[in-house]
């Protein structure tokens, strides 16, 4: 199952929500969301800086990951950036794929 890194940045309403329900409440909500879509939560970590939480999830496909991102980003409480993660074996497969490419100006 494809793996994704979700980088979440909370707006003021999102911070208020975390203050109200706690960090475990947010983790549990994300775990339920991905489970309802046929996925699973691997890890959820809060952080300092521009990104408030780093979340790694397994989701069935890119369509499902896009649906999560669109739904979450449709509100102002939290914004999410979705990053597709690849295994070393997937990169090995990519290196064996022939691509017909011409560089600009070449």
Protein backbone atom coordinates (compact mmCIF):
# COMPACT_ATOMS: atom_id res chain seq x y z
CA UNK A 1 0.00 0.00 0.00
CA UNK A 2 1.44 3.45 -0.86
CA UNK A 3 2.90 5.46 2.00
CA UNK A 4 2.50 9.23 2.44
CA UNK A 5 4.04 11.89 4.66
CA UNK A 6 1.51 14.53 5.67
CA UNK A 7 2.98 17.79 6.91
CA UNK A 8 0.31 19.66 8.87
CA UNK A 9 0.36 23.35 9.80
CA UNK A 10 -2.37 24.50 12.20
CA UNK A 11 -4.16 27.82 11.90
CA UNK A 12 -5.52 29.57 14.99
CA UNK A 13 -8.69 27.43 15.02
CA UNK A 14 -6.62 24.28 14.67
CA UNK A 15 -4.37 25.25 17.58
CA UNK A 16 -7.48 25.94 19.68
CA UNK A 17 -8.80 22.51 18.74
CA UNK A 18 -5.57 20.82 19.79
CA UNK A 19 -5.62 22.75 23.07
CA UNK A 20 -9.19 21.54 23.66
CA UNK A 21 -8.90 17.85 22.67
CA UNK A 22 -5.18 17.27 23.21
CA UNK A 23 -2.55 15.72 21.00
CA UNK A 24 -3.90 12.20 21.41
CA UNK A 25 -7.32 13.41 20.28
CA UNK A 26 -5.83 14.66 17.01
CA UNK A 27 -3.89 11.45 16.51
CA UNK A 28 -7.02 9.39 17.15
CA UNK A 29 -9.04 11.51 14.69
CA UNK A 30 -6.43 11.02 11.95
CA UNK A 31 -6.20 7.31 12.70
CA UNK A 32 -9.99 6.98 12.34
CA UNK A 33 -9.99 9.04 9.12
CA UNK A 34 -7.39 6.87 7.37
CA UNK A 35 -8.89 3.61 8.69
CA UNK A 36 -12.29 4.60 7.26
CA UNK A 37 -10.56 4.98 3.87
CA UNK A 38 -8.92 1.55 4.03
CA UNK A 39 -5.56 2.83 5.25
CA UNK A 40 -3.56 2.89 8.46
CA UNK A 41 -1.64 5.38 10.57
CA UNK A 42 2.05 4.54 10.96
CA UNK A 43 3.14 7.51 13.08
CA UNK A 44 2.01 10.92 14.28
CA UNK A 45 4.47 13.41 15.73
CA UNK A 46 4.00 17.01 16.79
CA UNK A 47 6.90 19.36 16.07
CA UNK A 48 8.20 22.89 16.53
CA UNK A 49 8.58 25.24 13.58
CA UNK A 50 6.65 25.83 10.37
CA UNK A 51 5.22 22.31 10.46
CA UNK A 52 3.14 21.45 13.52
CA UNK A 53 2.74 17.73 12.88
CA UNK A 54 4.39 15.06 10.75
CA UNK A 55 2.09 12.13 9.99
CA UNK A 56 2.96 8.97 8.07
CA UNK A 57 0.02 7.02 6.69
CA UNK A 58 -0.64 4.12 4.35
CA UNK A 59 -3.49 4.83 1.94
CA UNK A 60 -4.89 2.73 -0.92
CA UNK A 61 -3.82 5.08 -3.72
CA UNK A 62 -3.05 8.64 -4.85
CA UNK A 63 -6.75 9.36 -5.44
CA UNK A 64 -7.47 8.64 -1.78
CA UNK A 65 -4.49 10.72 -0.64
CA UNK A 66 -5.70 13.61 -2.81
CA UNK A 67 -9.21 13.31 -1.33
CA UNK A 68 -7.73 13.58 2.18
CA UNK A 69 -5.63 16.62 1.23
CA UNK A 70 -8.54 18.37 -0.51
CA UNK A 71 -10.88 17.76 2.41
CA UNK A 72 -8.40 18.90 5.06
CA UNK A 73 -7.26 21.94 3.08
CA UNK A 74 -10.88 23.03 2.47
CA UNK A 75 -10.99 24.50 5.98
CA UNK A 76 -8.83 27.08 7.73
CA UNK A 77 -8.06 25.06 10.88
CA UNK A 78 -5.19 23.14 9.31
CA UNK A 79 -3.31 22.99 6.04
CA UNK A 80 -1.64 19.81 4.87
CA UNK A 81 1.12 19.11 2.37
CA UNK A 82 1.15 15.55 1.04
CA UNK A 83 4.41 13.88 0.07
CA UNK A 84 4.52 10.48 -1.63
CA UNK A 85 7.10 8.21 0.01
CA UNK A 86 8.92 5.49 -1.89
CA UNK A 87 10.80 2.42 -0.75
CA UNK A 88 14.37 1.81 -1.89
CA UNK A 89 13.02 -1.07 -3.99
CA UNK A 90 10.61 1.26 -5.80
CA UNK A 91 13.53 3.57 -6.59
CA UNK A 92 15.45 0.55 -7.91
CA UNK A 93 12.53 -0.17 -10.24
CA UNK A 94 12.44 3.48 -11.33
CA UNK A 95 16.14 3.39 -12.27
CA UNK A 96 15.36 0.53 -14.68
CA UNK A 97 12.61 2.44 -16.47
CA UNK A 98 13.69 3.89 -19.82
CA UNK A 99 12.64 7.52 -20.31
CA UNK A 100 12.92 9.29 -23.67
CA UNK A 101 13.86 12.82 -22.54
CA UNK A 102 15.43 15.81 -24.26
CA UNK A 103 16.80 18.60 -22.08
CA UNK A 104 15.67 22.16 -22.86
CA UNK A 105 17.76 23.59 -25.68
CA UNK A 106 19.42 20.26 -26.48
